N, C-alpha and C. Protein backbone atom coordinates (compact mmCIF):
# COMPACT_ATOMS: atom_id res chain seq x y z
N MET A 1 29.24 -4.83 -10.55
CA MET A 1 30.49 -5.46 -11.06
C MET A 1 31.79 -4.74 -10.73
N LYS A 2 32.57 -5.32 -10.13
CA LYS A 2 34.07 -4.65 -10.07
C LYS A 2 34.53 -4.58 -11.27
N LYS A 3 35.39 -3.90 -11.94
CA LYS A 3 36.48 -3.23 -13.00
C LYS A 3 37.15 -4.69 -13.22
N GLU A 4 37.73 -5.40 -11.95
CA GLU A 4 38.19 -6.85 -12.29
C GLU A 4 37.66 -8.43 -12.25
N GLN A 5 36.36 -8.10 -11.84
CA GLN A 5 34.81 -9.00 -12.60
C GLN A 5 34.97 -8.67 -13.85
N ILE A 6 34.77 -7.82 -14.21
CA ILE A 6 34.35 -7.35 -15.70
C ILE A 6 35.64 -7.71 -16.66
N LYS A 7 36.85 -7.48 -16.25
CA LYS A 7 37.95 -8.10 -16.99
C LYS A 7 38.00 -9.59 -17.15
N ARG A 8 37.76 -10.24 -15.99
CA ARG A 8 37.63 -11.37 -16.22
C ARG A 8 36.43 -12.38 -17.53
N LEU A 9 35.73 -11.64 -17.52
CA LEU A 9 34.70 -11.66 -18.96
C LEU A 9 34.88 -11.85 -20.04
N LEU A 10 35.89 -11.44 -20.11
CA LEU A 10 36.82 -10.04 -21.92
C LEU A 10 37.46 -11.81 -21.98
N PRO A 11 37.58 -11.91 -23.50
CA PRO A 11 38.16 -12.88 -24.26
C PRO A 11 39.74 -12.87 -23.92
N SER A 12 40.40 -13.87 -23.87
CA SER A 12 42.01 -13.66 -23.09
C SER A 12 42.75 -12.50 -23.61
N VAL A 13 42.15 -12.40 -25.10
CA VAL A 13 43.60 -11.23 -25.72
C VAL A 13 43.22 -9.94 -25.27
N PHE A 14 42.13 -9.59 -25.30
CA PHE A 14 41.12 -7.99 -24.35
C PHE A 14 42.32 -8.40 -23.02
N GLN A 15 41.85 -9.51 -21.97
CA GLN A 15 42.50 -9.33 -21.04
C GLN A 15 44.03 -8.75 -20.64
N ARG A 16 44.72 -9.28 -21.55
CA ARG A 16 46.32 -9.25 -21.98
C ARG A 16 46.93 -7.42 -21.89
N THR A 17 45.70 -7.45 -22.80
CA THR A 17 46.25 -6.16 -22.93
C THR A 17 45.84 -4.82 -21.80
N SER A 18 45.20 -5.32 -21.08
CA SER A 18 44.33 -4.00 -20.19
C SER A 18 45.58 -3.76 -19.07
N THR A 19 46.02 -2.64 -19.46
CA THR A 19 47.08 -2.30 -18.32
C THR A 19 46.47 -0.97 -17.84
N THR A 20 47.56 -0.17 -16.60
CA THR A 20 46.62 0.79 -16.39
C THR A 20 46.30 1.66 -17.01
N ALA A 21 46.97 2.44 -17.48
CA ALA A 21 47.11 3.27 -18.69
C ALA A 21 46.52 3.17 -19.98
N SER A 22 45.84 1.83 -20.51
CA SER A 22 45.25 1.42 -21.50
C SER A 22 43.72 1.69 -21.73
N PRO A 23 43.37 2.27 -22.82
CA PRO A 23 42.19 2.99 -22.65
C PRO A 23 41.22 1.72 -22.87
N LEU A 24 41.40 0.29 -22.63
CA LEU A 24 40.34 -0.70 -22.19
C LEU A 24 40.35 -0.61 -20.52
N SER A 25 41.58 -0.10 -19.91
CA SER A 25 41.14 0.13 -18.82
C SER A 25 40.13 1.33 -17.86
N ALA A 26 40.40 2.07 -18.63
CA ALA A 26 39.18 3.36 -18.66
C ALA A 26 38.02 3.35 -19.24
N VAL A 27 37.71 2.33 -19.78
CA VAL A 27 36.41 1.57 -20.49
C VAL A 27 35.70 0.86 -19.54
N LEU A 28 36.81 -0.47 -18.21
CA LEU A 28 36.26 -1.01 -17.63
C LEU A 28 35.91 0.18 -16.27
N ASP A 29 36.83 1.36 -15.96
CA ASP A 29 36.18 1.82 -15.04
C ASP A 29 34.81 2.71 -15.06
N VAL A 30 34.67 2.64 -16.72
CA VAL A 30 33.54 3.37 -16.70
C VAL A 30 32.57 2.41 -16.42
N MET A 31 32.71 1.23 -16.90
CA MET A 31 31.44 -0.08 -16.94
C MET A 31 31.55 -0.26 -15.53
N GLU A 32 32.64 -0.32 -14.55
CA GLU A 32 32.15 -0.72 -12.76
C GLU A 32 31.58 1.13 -12.35
N ALA A 33 31.59 1.90 -13.07
CA ALA A 33 30.76 2.96 -12.50
C ALA A 33 29.04 2.63 -12.93
N MET A 34 28.74 2.56 -14.30
CA MET A 34 27.46 2.39 -14.52
C MET A 34 27.03 1.33 -14.04
N HIS A 35 27.99 0.11 -13.53
CA HIS A 35 27.09 -1.08 -12.72
C HIS A 35 26.38 -0.73 -11.38
N ALA A 36 27.14 0.28 -11.03
CA ALA A 36 27.16 0.61 -9.27
C ALA A 36 25.50 1.32 -8.87
N PRO A 37 25.04 1.79 -9.60
CA PRO A 37 23.56 2.36 -9.06
C PRO A 37 22.72 0.70 -9.28
N SER A 38 22.65 0.31 -9.86
CA SER A 38 21.58 -0.82 -10.19
C SER A 38 22.06 -2.11 -9.27
N GLU A 39 23.55 -2.09 -8.78
CA GLU A 39 24.14 -2.97 -7.92
C GLU A 39 23.62 -2.45 -6.60
N GLY A 40 23.36 -1.12 -6.42
CA GLY A 40 23.21 -1.26 -4.52
C GLY A 40 21.48 -1.11 -4.65
N VAL A 41 20.75 -1.08 -5.72
CA VAL A 41 19.42 -1.45 -5.49
C VAL A 41 19.10 -2.76 -5.45
N LEU A 42 19.71 -3.95 -6.36
CA LEU A 42 20.13 -4.97 -6.09
C LEU A 42 20.33 -5.81 -4.60
N ASP A 43 21.08 -4.91 -3.91
CA ASP A 43 21.53 -5.34 -2.76
C ASP A 43 20.48 -4.79 -1.55
N ARG A 44 19.70 -4.15 -1.69
CA ARG A 44 18.50 -4.04 -1.00
C ARG A 44 17.35 -4.31 -1.76
N LEU A 45 17.30 -5.22 -2.35
CA LEU A 45 15.90 -5.38 -2.99
C LEU A 45 15.37 -5.71 -2.05
N ASP A 46 14.85 -6.68 -1.22
CA ASP A 46 14.83 -7.48 -0.08
C ASP A 46 14.03 -6.17 0.60
N THR A 47 14.31 -4.93 1.20
CA THR A 47 13.82 -3.72 1.30
C THR A 47 12.72 -3.04 0.51
N ILE A 48 12.91 -3.34 -0.60
CA ILE A 48 11.83 -2.61 -1.83
C ILE A 48 10.46 -3.38 -1.95
N PHE A 49 10.26 -4.49 -1.69
CA PHE A 49 9.20 -5.21 -1.89
C PHE A 49 8.44 -5.41 -0.44
N ASP A 50 9.40 -4.72 0.59
CA ASP A 50 8.92 -5.29 1.96
C ASP A 50 7.85 -3.76 2.14
N PRO A 51 6.83 -4.11 2.59
CA PRO A 51 5.74 -2.48 2.92
C PRO A 51 6.17 -2.04 4.11
N HIS A 52 6.31 -2.58 5.24
CA HIS A 52 6.90 -1.78 5.96
C HIS A 52 7.92 -0.88 5.62
N THR A 53 9.42 -1.37 4.40
CA THR A 53 10.32 -0.95 4.45
C THR A 53 10.88 -0.10 3.17
N GLY A 54 9.54 -0.56 1.94
CA GLY A 54 9.87 0.01 0.52
C GLY A 54 9.83 1.70 0.81
N PRO A 55 9.96 1.95 -0.39
CA PRO A 55 10.14 3.74 -0.90
C PRO A 55 8.59 4.12 -1.07
N ASP A 56 8.08 5.48 -0.56
CA ASP A 56 6.86 5.32 -0.24
C ASP A 56 6.31 5.32 -1.80
N GLU A 57 6.73 5.93 -2.70
CA GLU A 57 6.48 5.74 -4.03
C GLU A 57 6.37 4.60 -4.81
N PHE A 58 6.46 3.42 -4.03
CA PHE A 58 6.71 2.12 -4.36
C PHE A 58 5.38 1.15 -3.55
N VAL A 59 4.80 1.96 -2.60
CA VAL A 59 3.79 1.04 -1.72
C VAL A 59 2.51 1.04 -2.39
N PRO A 60 2.28 1.95 -3.30
CA PRO A 60 0.74 1.47 -4.00
C PRO A 60 1.00 0.65 -4.89
N TYR A 61 1.89 0.87 -5.33
CA TYR A 61 2.19 -0.78 -6.45
C TYR A 61 2.31 -2.09 -5.83
N LEU A 62 2.66 -2.24 -4.92
CA LEU A 62 2.61 -2.98 -3.77
C LEU A 62 1.02 -3.38 -3.35
N ALA A 63 0.22 -2.56 -3.20
CA ALA A 63 -0.98 -2.39 -2.68
C ALA A 63 -1.71 -2.96 -4.03
N SER A 64 -1.15 -2.66 -4.89
CA SER A 64 -2.05 -3.12 -6.44
C SER A 64 -1.98 -4.68 -6.39
N TRP A 65 -0.65 -5.54 -5.74
CA TRP A 65 -0.77 -6.39 -5.73
C TRP A 65 -1.85 -7.36 -4.84
N VAL A 66 -2.44 -7.11 -4.33
CA VAL A 66 -3.31 -7.55 -3.21
C VAL A 66 -4.35 -6.85 -3.18
N ASP A 67 -4.87 -6.35 -4.46
CA ASP A 67 -6.15 -5.82 -4.60
C ASP A 67 -7.08 -4.76 -4.19
N LEU A 68 -5.94 -3.73 -3.42
CA LEU A 68 -6.34 -2.65 -2.97
C LEU A 68 -6.55 -1.06 -3.58
N GLU A 69 -6.07 -1.72 -5.10
CA GLU A 69 -6.14 0.17 -5.52
C GLU A 69 -7.11 0.54 -5.93
N VAL A 70 -8.44 -0.42 -5.80
CA VAL A 70 -10.11 0.34 -5.94
C VAL A 70 -9.63 1.09 -5.03
N LEU A 71 -9.23 1.07 -3.53
CA LEU A 71 -9.31 2.28 -2.59
C LEU A 71 -8.83 3.76 -2.74
N MET A 72 -7.55 3.54 -3.40
CA MET A 72 -6.41 4.87 -3.66
C MET A 72 -7.31 5.86 -4.53
N ASP A 73 -7.10 6.95 -4.48
CA ASP A 73 -7.67 8.48 -4.43
C ASP A 73 -6.89 8.38 -6.15
N THR A 74 -6.11 8.18 -6.36
CA THR A 74 -5.53 8.19 -8.10
C THR A 74 -5.19 6.76 -8.11
N PRO A 75 -6.25 6.13 -8.91
CA PRO A 75 -6.14 4.49 -9.29
C PRO A 75 -4.38 4.56 -10.14
N ARG A 76 -3.82 3.30 -10.16
CA ARG A 76 -2.63 2.96 -10.94
C ARG A 76 -3.56 3.49 -12.72
N GLY A 77 -2.32 3.96 -13.44
CA GLY A 77 -2.82 3.80 -15.17
C GLY A 77 -3.12 4.95 -15.48
N SER A 78 -4.10 6.24 -14.47
CA SER A 78 -4.46 7.58 -14.55
C SER A 78 -3.33 7.85 -14.95
N MET A 79 -3.38 8.98 -15.37
CA MET A 79 -2.63 10.07 -15.86
C MET A 79 -2.18 11.12 -15.26
N SER A 80 -2.41 11.12 -13.83
CA SER A 80 -1.97 12.13 -13.09
C SER A 80 -0.73 11.85 -12.51
N SER A 81 -0.08 12.89 -12.05
CA SER A 81 1.57 13.02 -12.20
C SER A 81 1.91 12.32 -10.52
N SER A 82 0.66 12.86 -9.49
CA SER A 82 1.15 12.52 -8.22
C SER A 82 1.14 11.34 -8.33
N PRO A 83 1.39 10.33 -6.76
CA PRO A 83 1.24 8.98 -6.59
C PRO A 83 -0.12 8.54 -5.93
N ALA A 84 -0.67 7.49 -6.53
CA ALA A 84 -1.73 7.20 -5.68
C ALA A 84 -1.55 7.03 -4.25
N THR A 85 -3.02 7.04 -3.53
CA THR A 85 -2.46 6.76 -2.03
C THR A 85 -3.53 7.12 -1.63
N LEU A 86 -4.06 6.54 -0.20
CA LEU A 86 -5.26 6.81 0.57
C LEU A 86 -5.34 7.67 0.79
N SER A 87 -6.50 8.33 1.38
CA SER A 87 -6.73 10.13 1.59
C SER A 87 -5.96 10.05 3.34
N THR A 88 -5.96 8.46 3.55
CA THR A 88 -5.58 8.69 5.39
C THR A 88 -4.12 8.70 5.20
N GLY A 89 -3.16 8.43 4.03
CA GLY A 89 -1.93 8.60 4.31
C GLY A 89 -1.08 7.08 3.80
N VAL A 90 -0.33 7.53 3.53
CA VAL A 90 0.49 6.36 2.70
C VAL A 90 1.26 4.89 3.95
N GLY A 91 1.26 5.80 5.56
CA GLY A 91 1.16 4.81 6.25
C GLY A 91 0.11 3.84 6.75
N ARG A 92 -1.20 4.34 6.07
CA ARG A 92 -1.97 3.80 6.39
C ARG A 92 -2.22 2.59 5.00
N LEU A 93 -1.55 3.11 4.10
CA LEU A 93 -1.34 2.24 2.91
C LEU A 93 -0.67 0.93 2.85
N ARG A 94 0.33 1.08 3.77
CA ARG A 94 1.41 0.32 4.14
C ARG A 94 0.48 -0.56 4.78
N GLU A 95 0.16 -0.51 6.27
CA GLU A 95 -0.35 -1.31 7.20
C GLU A 95 -1.95 -2.16 6.46
N LEU A 96 -2.49 -1.26 5.15
CA LEU A 96 -3.40 -2.59 4.81
C LEU A 96 -3.26 -3.36 4.05
N THR A 97 -1.30 -2.98 3.33
CA THR A 97 -0.88 -3.69 2.59
C THR A 97 -0.78 -5.55 3.55
N ILE A 98 0.20 -4.93 4.39
CA ILE A 98 0.46 -6.07 5.13
C ILE A 98 -0.29 -6.87 5.70
N ALA A 99 -1.50 -6.28 5.90
CA ALA A 99 -2.88 -6.88 7.01
C ALA A 99 -3.39 -7.38 5.60
N ALA A 100 -3.57 -7.39 4.33
CA ALA A 100 -4.08 -7.84 3.22
C ALA A 100 -4.83 -9.24 3.83
N MET A 101 -3.90 -10.09 3.64
CA MET A 101 -4.46 -11.43 3.97
C MET A 101 -4.82 -11.92 5.43
N THR A 102 -4.72 -10.80 6.04
CA THR A 102 -6.17 -11.61 7.10
C THR A 102 -7.23 -10.70 7.33
N LEU A 103 -7.53 -9.81 6.27
CA LEU A 103 -8.63 -9.41 5.41
C LEU A 103 -9.72 -9.92 4.23
N SER A 104 -8.65 -10.47 4.16
CA SER A 104 -9.49 -11.31 2.92
C SER A 104 -10.37 -13.01 3.79
N ARG A 105 -9.56 -13.20 4.44
CA ARG A 105 -9.86 -14.54 5.36
C ARG A 105 -11.65 -14.56 6.05
N TRP A 106 -11.38 -12.38 6.52
CA TRP A 106 -12.72 -12.20 7.30
C TRP A 106 -13.33 -11.39 6.32
N ARG A 107 -13.18 -11.43 5.11
CA ARG A 107 -14.38 -10.62 3.96
C ARG A 107 -15.71 -11.30 4.43
N GLY A 108 -16.51 -10.00 4.12
CA GLY A 108 -17.95 -10.61 4.13
C GLY A 108 -18.80 -10.54 5.53
N THR A 109 -17.77 -10.23 6.56
CA THR A 109 -17.81 -10.59 7.89
C THR A 109 -18.24 -8.98 8.60
N GLY A 110 -18.82 -8.92 10.19
CA GLY A 110 -18.98 -7.76 10.37
C GLY A 110 -17.40 -7.59 11.28
N LYS A 111 -16.84 -8.57 11.52
CA LYS A 111 -15.60 -8.74 12.06
C LYS A 111 -14.53 -7.79 11.09
N GLY A 112 -14.68 -8.70 9.87
CA GLY A 112 -13.91 -8.26 8.90
C GLY A 112 -13.75 -6.75 8.48
N LEU A 113 -15.20 -6.46 8.20
CA LEU A 113 -15.19 -4.64 7.94
C LEU A 113 -14.69 -3.84 9.07
N ARG A 114 -15.31 -4.22 10.20
CA ARG A 114 -14.65 -3.36 11.49
C ARG A 114 -13.12 -3.45 11.29
N LEU A 115 -12.77 -4.56 11.01
CA LEU A 115 -10.83 -4.47 10.88
C LEU A 115 -10.79 -3.97 9.84
N PHE A 116 -11.14 -3.43 8.80
CA PHE A 116 -10.59 -2.82 7.45
C PHE A 116 -10.34 -2.05 7.88
N LEU A 117 -11.93 -1.16 8.28
CA LEU A 117 -12.11 0.60 8.67
C LEU A 117 -10.80 0.52 10.09
N GLU A 118 -10.54 -0.10 10.44
CA GLU A 118 -9.70 0.23 11.51
C GLU A 118 -8.39 0.25 10.67
N THR A 119 -7.88 -0.47 10.49
CA THR A 119 -6.86 -0.63 9.79
C THR A 119 -6.39 0.97 8.64
N ALA A 120 -7.43 0.95 7.81
CA ALA A 120 -7.10 1.95 6.74
C ALA A 120 -7.20 3.28 7.63
N THR A 121 -7.84 3.20 8.48
CA THR A 121 -8.15 4.71 9.04
C THR A 121 -7.11 4.85 10.66
N GLY A 122 -6.85 3.70 11.13
CA GLY A 122 -5.81 4.16 12.61
C GLY A 122 -6.90 4.31 13.66
N MET A 123 -7.80 4.16 13.00
CA MET A 123 -8.81 4.68 14.32
C MET A 123 -9.93 3.26 14.97
N ASN A 124 -9.66 3.14 16.43
CA ASN A 124 -11.03 2.18 16.30
C ASN A 124 -12.45 3.11 16.76
N GLY A 125 -13.39 2.28 16.99
CA GLY A 125 -14.28 2.90 17.84
C GLY A 125 -15.83 3.33 16.39
N PHE A 126 -15.28 2.52 15.59
CA PHE A 126 -16.51 1.92 14.75
C PHE A 126 -17.63 0.77 14.87
N GLU A 127 -18.83 1.39 15.07
CA GLU A 127 -19.77 0.73 15.62
C GLU A 127 -20.62 0.01 14.11
N ILE A 128 -21.16 -1.20 14.25
CA ILE A 128 -21.95 -1.82 12.98
C ILE A 128 -22.98 -2.30 13.83
N SER A 129 -24.00 -1.77 13.46
CA SER A 129 -25.06 -2.54 13.74
C SER A 129 -25.77 -3.42 12.53
N GLU A 130 -26.41 -4.96 12.68
CA GLU A 130 -27.19 -5.22 11.22
C GLU A 130 -28.79 -5.14 11.83
N ASN A 131 -29.13 -5.43 10.83
CA ASN A 131 -30.67 -5.14 10.46
C ASN A 131 -31.20 -4.53 11.17
N LYS A 132 -30.33 -3.21 11.51
CA LYS A 132 -31.43 -2.17 12.11
C LYS A 132 -31.11 -0.46 10.87
N THR A 133 -32.05 0.21 10.99
CA THR A 133 -31.77 1.81 10.88
C THR A 133 -30.97 2.34 11.77
N ALA A 134 -30.30 3.34 10.92
CA ALA A 134 -29.95 4.25 12.49
C ALA A 134 -30.86 5.10 13.70
N LYS A 135 -32.35 5.16 13.17
CA LYS A 135 -33.18 5.46 13.87
C LYS A 135 -33.52 4.18 14.59
N GLY A 136 -32.96 2.81 14.88
CA GLY A 136 -33.36 1.78 15.19
C GLY A 136 -34.28 1.23 14.64
N GLU A 137 -35.27 1.20 13.63
CA GLU A 137 -36.03 0.62 13.00
C GLU A 137 -35.32 -0.68 12.53
N ALA A 138 -36.29 -1.97 12.46
CA ALA A 138 -35.83 -3.42 11.65
C ALA A 138 -36.08 -2.95 10.37
N LYS A 139 -34.77 -3.62 9.78
CA LYS A 139 -34.62 -3.57 8.30
C LYS A 139 -33.27 -4.70 7.90
N PRO A 140 -34.15 -5.81 7.39
CA PRO A 140 -33.42 -7.30 7.20
C PRO A 140 -32.45 -6.32 6.33
N PHE A 141 -31.32 -7.34 6.40
CA PHE A 141 -30.19 -7.27 5.58
C PHE A 141 -29.76 -5.61 5.20
N HIS A 142 -29.29 -5.38 6.34
CA HIS A 142 -29.10 -3.29 6.64
C HIS A 142 -28.01 -3.64 7.16
N LEU A 143 -27.15 -2.52 7.43
CA LEU A 143 -25.58 -2.67 8.14
C LEU A 143 -26.26 -0.65 8.71
N CYS A 144 -25.87 -0.93 9.60
CA CYS A 144 -25.65 1.09 10.27
C CYS A 144 -24.28 0.58 10.82
N ILE A 145 -23.50 1.90 10.03
CA ILE A 145 -21.97 1.66 10.39
C ILE A 145 -21.91 3.05 10.84
N ARG A 146 -21.50 3.11 11.98
CA ARG A 146 -21.28 4.74 12.84
C ARG A 146 -19.71 5.05 13.13
N GLY A 147 -19.23 5.68 12.40
CA GLY A 147 -17.73 5.98 12.31
C GLY A 147 -17.72 7.48 13.88
N PRO A 148 -15.89 7.08 14.32
CA PRO A 148 -15.41 8.27 14.60
C PRO A 148 -15.81 9.29 14.25
N GLY A 149 -15.99 11.00 14.84
CA GLY A 149 -16.78 12.13 14.23
C GLY A 149 -15.48 12.52 13.44
N GLN A 150 -14.07 12.43 13.86
CA GLN A 150 -12.87 13.04 13.23
C GLN A 150 -12.69 11.93 11.76
N LEU A 151 -13.18 11.52 11.37
CA LEU A 151 -12.80 10.54 10.42
C LEU A 151 -14.08 11.16 9.22
N ALA A 152 -15.16 12.04 9.76
CA ALA A 152 -16.14 12.48 8.43
C ALA A 152 -15.16 12.78 6.94
N GLU A 153 -14.13 13.48 7.31
CA GLU A 153 -13.28 14.46 6.31
C GLU A 153 -12.88 12.81 5.43
N HIS A 154 -12.87 11.68 5.90
CA HIS A 154 -12.30 10.54 5.09
C HIS A 154 -13.76 9.67 4.21
N ARG A 155 -14.54 9.89 4.55
CA ARG A 155 -16.15 9.46 3.81
C ARG A 155 -16.15 8.74 3.04
N ARG A 156 -15.52 8.99 1.78
CA ARG A 156 -15.08 8.81 0.58
C ARG A 156 -14.82 7.53 0.37
N LEU A 157 -13.59 7.55 1.39
CA LEU A 157 -12.69 6.48 1.18
C LEU A 157 -13.53 5.14 2.56
N ILE A 158 -14.35 5.67 3.81
CA ILE A 158 -14.83 4.57 4.02
C ILE A 158 -16.03 3.90 3.19
N GLU A 159 -16.73 4.79 2.38
CA GLU A 159 -17.79 4.03 2.00
C GLU A 159 -17.10 3.30 0.48
N ARG A 160 -16.17 3.49 0.23
CA ARG A 160 -15.62 2.44 -0.78
C ARG A 160 -15.11 1.29 -0.02
N ILE A 161 -14.62 0.92 0.95
CA ILE A 161 -14.23 -0.05 1.97
C ILE A 161 -15.67 -0.64 2.22
N VAL A 162 -17.01 -0.02 3.02
CA VAL A 162 -17.89 -1.05 2.76
C VAL A 162 -18.32 -1.48 1.86
N GLU A 163 -18.37 -0.53 0.47
CA GLU A 163 -18.87 -1.02 -0.53
C GLU A 163 -18.05 -3.00 -1.11
N LEU A 164 -16.88 -2.62 -0.59
CA LEU A 164 -16.22 -3.59 -0.99
C LEU A 164 -16.10 -4.80 -0.27
N GLU A 165 -16.56 -4.64 0.84
CA GLU A 165 -16.49 -5.37 2.46
C GLU A 165 -18.17 -6.04 2.53
N LYS A 166 -19.06 -5.08 2.65
CA LYS A 166 -20.18 -5.76 2.80
C LYS A 166 -20.56 -7.00 1.85
N PRO A 167 -21.70 -7.99 2.40
CA PRO A 167 -22.27 -8.87 1.66
C PRO A 167 -22.72 -8.00 0.44
N ALA A 168 -23.01 -8.52 -0.67
CA ALA A 168 -23.61 -8.02 -1.70
C ALA A 168 -24.94 -7.92 -1.90
N TYR A 169 -25.70 -8.04 -1.16
CA TYR A 169 -27.11 -8.15 -1.03
C TYR A 169 -27.39 -7.31 0.19
N ALA A 170 -26.63 -6.60 0.88
CA ALA A 170 -26.90 -5.89 2.05
C ALA A 170 -27.15 -4.55 1.66
N THR A 171 -27.86 -3.70 2.49
CA THR A 171 -27.74 -1.99 2.10
C THR A 171 -27.04 -1.58 3.32
N TYR A 172 -26.86 -0.06 3.29
CA TYR A 172 -25.85 0.19 4.41
C TYR A 172 -26.09 1.85 4.78
N GLU A 173 -25.88 2.23 5.84
CA GLU A 173 -25.81 3.67 5.67
C GLU A 173 -24.79 4.05 6.87
N LEU A 174 -23.95 5.18 6.77
CA LEU A 174 -22.89 5.26 7.07
C LEU A 174 -23.16 6.78 7.76
N GLU A 175 -23.18 6.79 9.23
CA GLU A 175 -22.96 8.31 9.94
C GLU A 175 -21.79 8.30 10.95
N PHE A 176 -21.68 9.44 11.16
CA PHE A 176 -20.48 9.90 12.36
C PHE A 176 -20.60 10.62 13.35
N GLY A 177 -19.73 10.06 14.69
CA GLY A 177 -20.60 10.77 15.94
C GLY A 177 -19.88 11.96 15.79
N PRO A 178 -20.12 12.90 16.54
CA PRO A 178 -19.98 13.95 16.83
C PRO A 178 -18.47 14.34 16.65
N GLN A 179 -17.74 15.45 16.05
CA GLN A 179 -16.56 16.23 15.75
C GLN A 179 -15.66 15.74 16.66
N GLY A 180 -16.27 16.09 17.96
CA GLY A 180 -14.89 16.46 19.42
C GLY A 180 -15.02 14.85 20.06
N GLU A 181 -15.60 13.83 19.57
CA GLU A 181 -15.72 12.28 19.84
C GLU A 181 -14.38 12.08 19.80
N THR A 182 -14.19 11.45 20.91
CA THR A 182 -12.66 10.64 21.05
C THR A 182 -12.89 9.25 20.52
N ALA A 183 -11.69 8.76 19.84
CA ALA A 183 -11.42 7.48 19.46
C ALA A 183 -9.96 6.93 19.64
N LYS A 184 -9.90 6.10 19.83
CA LYS A 184 -8.30 5.52 19.76
C LYS A 184 -7.37 5.33 19.07
N ALA A 185 -6.39 6.03 18.63
CA ALA A 185 -5.55 5.59 17.26
C ALA A 185 -5.14 4.30 17.26
N THR A 186 -5.34 3.16 16.22
CA THR A 186 -4.65 2.26 16.39
C THR A 186 -2.93 2.16 15.68
N THR A 187 -2.13 1.53 16.14
CA THR A 187 -0.61 1.78 16.18
C THR A 187 -0.45 0.94 14.35
């Protein structure tokens, strides 16, 4: 609030005594300065709550609103001083938060699992085979998931996603292609 706006909120006796050299004028200057940071945040509040433009530190909190905190390396509420995020980075967490509604529509399906994995890692190339093992043997209610080789370092994240998204009755095995295998990055 500006000094003049604050002054209009005061009782009339204070308003009459406020001159440029009065102590009240100095107090009003301080009040205006104290309001400035809060008003700056309020002026851009819509950008803070948007996963595209929000500060990196706030993205894990936004992700927790759409139940993605289970995927984060440091869950919310832990004593760690580092912010919670995905092993693939805060940019991928932004994309997951934006895609949360679409992902929930496809939950429990092969398409949903593939979309979730691609969004979380930023890479295409996941193969999901149903009802057979990696060796090609028939096995009911089993998923064989093969990911691009360069994502092997994110195995823990991928396992958490598969556990979250696969049907409860299904088992799975996860393998990765050769390390040099090329996969297309998604944007």
